[in-house]
Amino acid sequence: MTIAQLTEALNEFSMERDWGQFHSPKNLAMALSVEAAEIVELFQWIKEEDSYCLSTEKLADLKDEIGDVMIYLTNLAHKFGIDPLEAASQKLQKNKQKYPAALVKGKSAKYTEYGGI
């Protein structure tokens, strides 16, 4: 499914339920934050190494939460005519400038800590 197809399916889903009235940018942003926090909750209190090997149940939960994040993100982007894939691609290009591989390889510091753009 493409972003355009997902957006259309989400719009249809929302219209069938008359949920558009609740999908203001503010509400979508808040819901997105909540769903992202639910991803964090899945990893809360587990050991670093265990975060790579989730149980079948936790992996299914993670998949659902990633789906929720994608739904809210796609709905929010649509409100402003933003293509999320294009936005991510453009942001990646900006990040390549902020974090030149030669300067940051193997480091986790923010670009402002090493004099990046």
N, C-alpha and C. Protein backbone atom coordinates (compact mmCIF):
# COMPACT_ATOMS: atom_id res chain seq x y z
N MET A 1 0.85 -1.18 0.00
CA MET A 1 0.00 0.00 0.00
C MET A 1 0.89 1.24 0.00
N THR A 2 0.58 2.19 -0.83
CA THR A 2 1.31 3.44 -0.87
C THR A 2 0.76 4.41 0.17
N ILE A 3 1.49 5.48 0.40
CA ILE A 3 0.99 6.52 1.32
C ILE A 3 -0.33 7.07 0.81
N ALA A 4 -0.42 7.31 -0.49
CA ALA A 4 -1.67 7.84 -1.06
C ALA A 4 -2.83 6.87 -0.83
N GLN A 5 -2.58 5.59 -1.01
CA GLN A 5 -3.63 4.59 -0.78
C GLN A 5 -4.00 4.51 0.69
N LEU A 6 -3.01 4.57 1.55
CA LEU A 6 -3.29 4.56 3.00
C LEU A 6 -4.10 5.78 3.39
N THR A 7 -3.72 6.94 2.88
CA THR A 7 -4.44 8.17 3.18
C THR A 7 -5.89 8.06 2.74
N GLU A 8 -6.12 7.55 1.55
CA GLU A 8 -7.49 7.38 1.04
C GLU A 8 -8.27 6.41 1.92
N ALA A 9 -7.66 5.29 2.28
CA ALA A 9 -8.33 4.31 3.13
C ALA A 9 -8.66 4.90 4.50
N LEU A 10 -7.74 5.69 5.05
CA LEU A 10 -7.98 6.32 6.35
C LEU A 10 -9.09 7.36 6.27
N ASN A 11 -9.11 8.13 5.19
CA ASN A 11 -10.18 9.11 5.00
C ASN A 11 -11.54 8.43 4.90
N GLU A 12 -11.60 7.34 4.15
CA GLU A 12 -12.85 6.60 4.01
C GLU A 12 -13.30 6.03 5.36
N PHE A 13 -12.36 5.43 6.08
CA PHE A 13 -12.64 4.88 7.40
C PHE A 13 -13.21 5.94 8.32
N SER A 14 -12.57 7.12 8.32
CA SER A 14 -13.00 8.22 9.17
C SER A 14 -14.38 8.74 8.77
N MET A 15 -14.59 8.92 7.47
CA MET A 15 -15.88 9.43 6.99
C MET A 15 -17.03 8.48 7.33
N GLU A 16 -16.80 7.18 7.19
CA GLU A 16 -17.84 6.20 7.51
C GLU A 16 -18.27 6.28 8.96
N ARG A 17 -17.41 6.77 9.81
CA ARG A 17 -17.68 6.83 11.25
C ARG A 17 -17.95 8.26 11.73
N ASP A 18 -17.88 9.22 10.83
CA ASP A 18 -18.04 10.64 11.16
C ASP A 18 -17.03 11.06 12.23
N TRP A 19 -15.79 10.63 12.06
CA TRP A 19 -14.75 10.94 13.02
C TRP A 19 -13.93 12.16 12.62
N GLY A 20 -14.13 12.67 11.41
CA GLY A 20 -13.37 13.83 10.97
C GLY A 20 -13.50 15.01 11.91
N GLN A 21 -14.64 15.10 12.55
CA GLN A 21 -14.89 16.20 13.49
C GLN A 21 -13.92 16.18 14.68
N PHE A 22 -13.33 15.03 14.94
CA PHE A 22 -12.41 14.89 16.06
C PHE A 22 -10.95 14.97 15.64
N HIS A 23 -10.71 15.00 14.33
CA HIS A 23 -9.35 14.89 13.82
C HIS A 23 -8.72 16.26 13.50
N SER A 24 -8.75 17.14 14.46
CA SER A 24 -8.06 18.42 14.31
C SER A 24 -6.55 18.14 14.37
N PRO A 25 -5.75 19.04 13.82
CA PRO A 25 -4.30 18.84 13.95
C PRO A 25 -3.85 18.67 15.40
N LYS A 26 -4.42 19.46 16.30
CA LYS A 26 -4.07 19.35 17.73
C LYS A 26 -4.37 17.95 18.25
N ASN A 27 -5.57 17.45 17.97
CA ASN A 27 -5.94 16.13 18.48
C ASN A 27 -5.11 15.02 17.85
N LEU A 28 -4.82 15.15 16.56
CA LEU A 28 -4.00 14.13 15.90
C LEU A 28 -2.58 14.14 16.47
N ALA A 29 -2.02 15.31 16.72
CA ALA A 29 -0.68 15.39 17.29
C ALA A 29 -0.65 14.79 18.70
N MET A 30 -1.68 15.06 19.47
CA MET A 30 -1.75 14.50 20.82
C MET A 30 -1.88 12.98 20.77
N ALA A 31 -2.74 12.48 19.88
CA ALA A 31 -2.92 11.04 19.75
C ALA A 31 -1.63 10.37 19.28
N LEU A 32 -0.93 11.03 18.37
CA LEU A 32 0.35 10.51 17.88
C LEU A 32 1.34 10.36 19.04
N SER A 33 1.39 11.37 19.88
CA SER A 33 2.28 11.34 21.04
C SER A 33 1.93 10.19 21.98
N VAL A 34 0.66 9.99 22.20
CA VAL A 34 0.21 8.91 23.09
C VAL A 34 0.61 7.55 22.51
N GLU A 35 0.40 7.37 21.22
CA GLU A 35 0.73 6.09 20.60
C GLU A 35 2.24 5.85 20.60
N ALA A 36 3.02 6.90 20.37
CA ALA A 36 4.48 6.76 20.45
C ALA A 36 4.90 6.36 21.87
N ALA A 37 4.23 6.93 22.86
CA ALA A 37 4.52 6.58 24.25
C ALA A 37 4.17 5.12 24.53
N GLU A 38 3.18 4.59 23.85
CA GLU A 38 2.82 3.18 24.03
C GLU A 38 3.92 2.27 23.47
N ILE A 39 4.63 2.73 22.45
CA ILE A 39 5.79 1.98 21.98
C ILE A 39 6.87 1.99 23.06
N VAL A 40 7.12 3.15 23.63
CA VAL A 40 8.12 3.26 24.69
C VAL A 40 7.76 2.34 25.85
N GLU A 41 6.48 2.29 26.18
CA GLU A 41 6.03 1.47 27.30
C GLU A 41 6.36 -0.02 27.09
N LEU A 42 6.33 -0.47 25.85
CA LEU A 42 6.65 -1.87 25.58
C LEU A 42 8.09 -2.22 25.96
N PHE A 43 8.97 -1.22 25.91
CA PHE A 43 10.38 -1.43 26.20
C PHE A 43 10.78 -1.02 27.62
N GLN A 44 9.84 -0.38 28.31
CA GLN A 44 10.14 0.10 29.66
C GLN A 44 10.47 -1.08 30.57
N TRP A 45 11.52 -0.92 31.30
CA TRP A 45 11.96 -1.85 32.34
C TRP A 45 12.55 -3.16 31.81
N ILE A 46 12.76 -3.29 30.50
CA ILE A 46 13.45 -4.50 30.04
C ILE A 46 14.92 -4.15 29.81
N LYS A 47 15.75 -5.15 29.88
CA LYS A 47 17.18 -4.94 29.69
C LYS A 47 17.45 -4.56 28.24
N GLU A 48 18.52 -3.79 28.06
CA GLU A 48 18.92 -3.35 26.72
C GLU A 48 18.99 -4.52 25.74
N GLU A 49 19.68 -5.58 26.13
CA GLU A 49 19.84 -6.72 25.23
C GLU A 49 18.51 -7.43 24.95
N ASP A 50 17.59 -7.39 25.88
CA ASP A 50 16.28 -8.02 25.68
C ASP A 50 15.40 -7.23 24.71
N SER A 51 15.74 -5.96 24.50
CA SER A 51 14.93 -5.14 23.59
C SER A 51 15.08 -5.60 22.14
N TYR A 52 16.10 -6.41 21.86
CA TYR A 52 16.29 -6.94 20.51
C TYR A 52 15.52 -8.23 20.25
N CYS A 53 15.08 -8.88 21.30
CA CYS A 53 14.43 -10.19 21.18
C CYS A 53 13.09 -10.17 21.91
N LEU A 54 12.08 -9.61 21.29
CA LEU A 54 10.76 -9.53 21.92
C LEU A 54 10.02 -10.84 21.79
N SER A 55 9.18 -11.11 22.78
CA SER A 55 8.32 -12.29 22.70
C SER A 55 7.35 -12.11 21.54
N THR A 56 6.73 -13.18 21.12
CA THR A 56 5.76 -13.13 20.04
C THR A 56 4.64 -12.16 20.37
N GLU A 57 4.19 -12.18 21.62
CA GLU A 57 3.11 -11.29 22.05
C GLU A 57 3.55 -9.82 22.01
N LYS A 58 4.76 -9.54 22.54
CA LYS A 58 5.24 -8.16 22.54
C LYS A 58 5.52 -7.66 21.12
N LEU A 59 5.98 -8.55 20.26
CA LEU A 59 6.23 -8.18 18.87
C LEU A 59 4.92 -7.82 18.18
N ALA A 60 3.86 -8.58 18.46
CA ALA A 60 2.54 -8.27 17.91
C ALA A 60 2.04 -6.93 18.43
N ASP A 61 2.28 -6.68 19.72
CA ASP A 61 1.88 -5.38 20.30
C ASP A 61 2.65 -4.25 19.65
N LEU A 62 3.96 -4.44 19.42
CA LEU A 62 4.78 -3.43 18.78
C LEU A 62 4.26 -3.13 17.38
N LYS A 63 3.92 -4.17 16.65
CA LYS A 63 3.38 -4.00 15.30
C LYS A 63 2.11 -3.17 15.33
N ASP A 64 1.22 -3.45 16.27
CA ASP A 64 -0.02 -2.68 16.40
C ASP A 64 0.26 -1.21 16.72
N GLU A 65 1.19 -0.97 17.64
CA GLU A 65 1.49 0.41 18.03
C GLU A 65 2.17 1.18 16.90
N ILE A 66 3.05 0.51 16.16
CA ILE A 66 3.65 1.16 15.00
C ILE A 66 2.56 1.49 13.98
N GLY A 67 1.59 0.60 13.83
CA GLY A 67 0.45 0.87 12.94
C GLY A 67 -0.33 2.09 13.40
N ASP A 68 -0.57 2.19 14.70
CA ASP A 68 -1.29 3.35 15.24
C ASP A 68 -0.51 4.65 14.98
N VAL A 69 0.80 4.61 15.21
CA VAL A 69 1.63 5.79 14.97
C VAL A 69 1.55 6.19 13.50
N MET A 70 1.64 5.21 12.62
CA MET A 70 1.59 5.49 11.18
C MET A 70 0.25 6.08 10.78
N ILE A 71 -0.82 5.59 11.36
CA ILE A 71 -2.16 6.11 11.06
C ILE A 71 -2.28 7.57 11.47
N TYR A 72 -1.91 7.88 12.71
CA TYR A 72 -2.03 9.26 13.17
C TYR A 72 -1.07 10.18 12.43
N LEU A 73 0.14 9.71 12.16
CA LEU A 73 1.10 10.51 11.42
C LEU A 73 0.61 10.80 10.01
N THR A 74 0.05 9.79 9.36
CA THR A 74 -0.47 9.97 8.00
C THR A 74 -1.65 10.93 8.00
N ASN A 75 -2.53 10.80 8.96
CA ASN A 75 -3.67 11.72 9.06
C ASN A 75 -3.21 13.15 9.29
N LEU A 76 -2.24 13.34 10.18
CA LEU A 76 -1.73 14.67 10.48
C LEU A 76 -1.05 15.27 9.25
N ALA A 77 -0.23 14.49 8.59
CA ALA A 77 0.46 14.97 7.39
C ALA A 77 -0.55 15.38 6.32
N HIS A 78 -1.60 14.60 6.17
CA HIS A 78 -2.64 14.89 5.16
C HIS A 78 -3.32 16.24 5.42
N LYS A 79 -3.50 16.57 6.69
CA LYS A 79 -4.13 17.85 7.04
C LYS A 79 -3.37 19.04 6.47
N PHE A 80 -2.06 18.87 6.28
CA PHE A 80 -1.22 19.96 5.81
C PHE A 80 -0.64 19.72 4.41
N GLY A 81 -1.14 18.68 3.75
CA GLY A 81 -0.66 18.38 2.40
C GLY A 81 0.79 17.94 2.35
N ILE A 82 1.24 17.28 3.40
CA ILE A 82 2.62 16.82 3.48
C ILE A 82 2.67 15.33 3.14
N ASP A 83 3.57 14.96 2.25
CA ASP A 83 3.83 13.56 1.96
C ASP A 83 4.87 13.09 2.97
N PRO A 84 4.52 12.17 3.87
CA PRO A 84 5.46 11.75 4.92
C PRO A 84 6.75 11.14 4.37
N LEU A 85 6.67 10.42 3.26
CA LEU A 85 7.87 9.83 2.69
C LEU A 85 8.79 10.91 2.12
N GLU A 86 8.21 11.90 1.47
CA GLU A 86 9.00 13.01 0.95
C GLU A 86 9.61 13.81 2.10
N ALA A 87 8.82 14.04 3.15
CA ALA A 87 9.32 14.77 4.32
C ALA A 87 10.49 14.02 4.95
N ALA A 88 10.37 12.70 5.07
CA ALA A 88 11.46 11.91 5.66
C ALA A 88 12.70 11.95 4.78
N SER A 89 12.51 11.88 3.48
CA SER A 89 13.63 11.93 2.55
C SER A 89 14.35 13.27 2.65
N GLN A 90 13.59 14.37 2.70
CA GLN A 90 14.19 15.69 2.81
C GLN A 90 14.91 15.85 4.16
N LYS A 91 14.32 15.32 5.22
CA LYS A 91 14.95 15.41 6.54
C LYS A 91 16.24 14.60 6.58
N LEU A 92 16.26 13.47 5.90
CA LEU A 92 17.48 12.67 5.83
C LEU A 92 18.61 13.45 5.17
N GLN A 93 18.28 14.18 4.12
CA GLN A 93 19.29 15.01 3.45
C GLN A 93 19.82 16.10 4.40
N LYS A 94 18.92 16.72 5.15
CA LYS A 94 19.36 17.72 6.14
C LYS A 94 20.25 17.09 7.20
N ASN A 95 19.88 15.89 7.65
CA ASN A 95 20.67 15.21 8.67
C ASN A 95 22.05 14.82 8.16
N LYS A 96 22.15 14.51 6.87
CA LYS A 96 23.46 14.20 6.29
C LYS A 96 24.37 15.42 6.38
N GLN A 97 23.81 16.62 6.25
CA GLN A 97 24.61 17.84 6.38
C GLN A 97 24.96 18.13 7.84
N LYS A 98 23.99 17.91 8.73
CA LYS A 98 24.22 18.17 10.14
C LYS A 98 25.20 17.17 10.75
N TYR A 99 25.17 15.95 10.26
CA TYR A 99 25.95 14.87 10.84
C TYR A 99 26.84 14.22 9.78
N PRO A 100 27.87 14.92 9.34
CA PRO A 100 28.77 14.32 8.34
C PRO A 100 29.41 13.05 8.91
N ALA A 101 29.38 11.98 8.15
CA ALA A 101 29.88 10.70 8.62
C ALA A 101 31.32 10.79 9.11
N ALA A 102 32.14 11.58 8.43
CA ALA A 102 33.55 11.70 8.82
C ALA A 102 33.71 12.29 10.23
N LEU A 103 32.76 13.12 10.66
CA LEU A 103 32.86 13.75 11.98
C LEU A 103 32.15 12.97 13.09
N VAL A 104 31.12 12.24 12.74
CA VAL A 104 30.28 11.68 13.80
C VAL A 104 30.27 10.15 13.86
N LYS A 105 30.98 9.52 12.98
CA LYS A 105 30.95 8.05 12.95
C LYS A 105 31.26 7.47 14.33
N GLY A 106 30.33 6.67 14.83
CA GLY A 106 30.50 6.02 16.12
C GLY A 106 30.21 6.91 17.32
N LYS A 107 29.71 8.13 17.07
CA LYS A 107 29.42 9.05 18.17
C LYS A 107 27.92 9.32 18.22
N SER A 108 27.41 9.63 19.40
CA SER A 108 25.98 9.89 19.55
C SER A 108 25.68 11.34 19.95
N ALA A 109 26.67 12.20 19.89
CA ALA A 109 26.50 13.59 20.30
C ALA A 109 25.61 14.34 19.32
N LYS A 110 24.90 15.32 19.82
CA LYS A 110 24.09 16.20 18.98
C LYS A 110 25.03 17.07 18.15
N TYR A 111 24.56 17.46 16.96
CA TYR A 111 25.42 18.23 16.04
C TYR A 111 25.96 19.52 16.66
N THR A 112 25.25 20.10 17.60
CA THR A 112 25.72 21.34 18.22
C THR A 112 26.92 21.11 19.12
N GLU A 113 27.18 19.87 19.49
CA GLU A 113 28.30 19.55 20.38
C GLU A 113 29.62 19.41 19.65
N TYR A 114 29.59 19.27 18.32
CA TYR A 114 30.84 19.12 17.60
C TYR A 114 31.02 20.19 16.52
N GLY A 115 30.15 21.19 16.53
CA GLY A 115 30.30 22.30 15.61
C GLY A 115 29.66 22.08 14.26
N GLY A 116 28.71 21.17 14.17
CA GLY A 116 28.00 20.96 12.91
C GLY A 116 27.10 22.13 12.60
N ILE A 117 26.45 22.06 11.47
CA ILE A 117 25.58 23.14 10.99
C ILE A 117 24.53 23.50 12.02
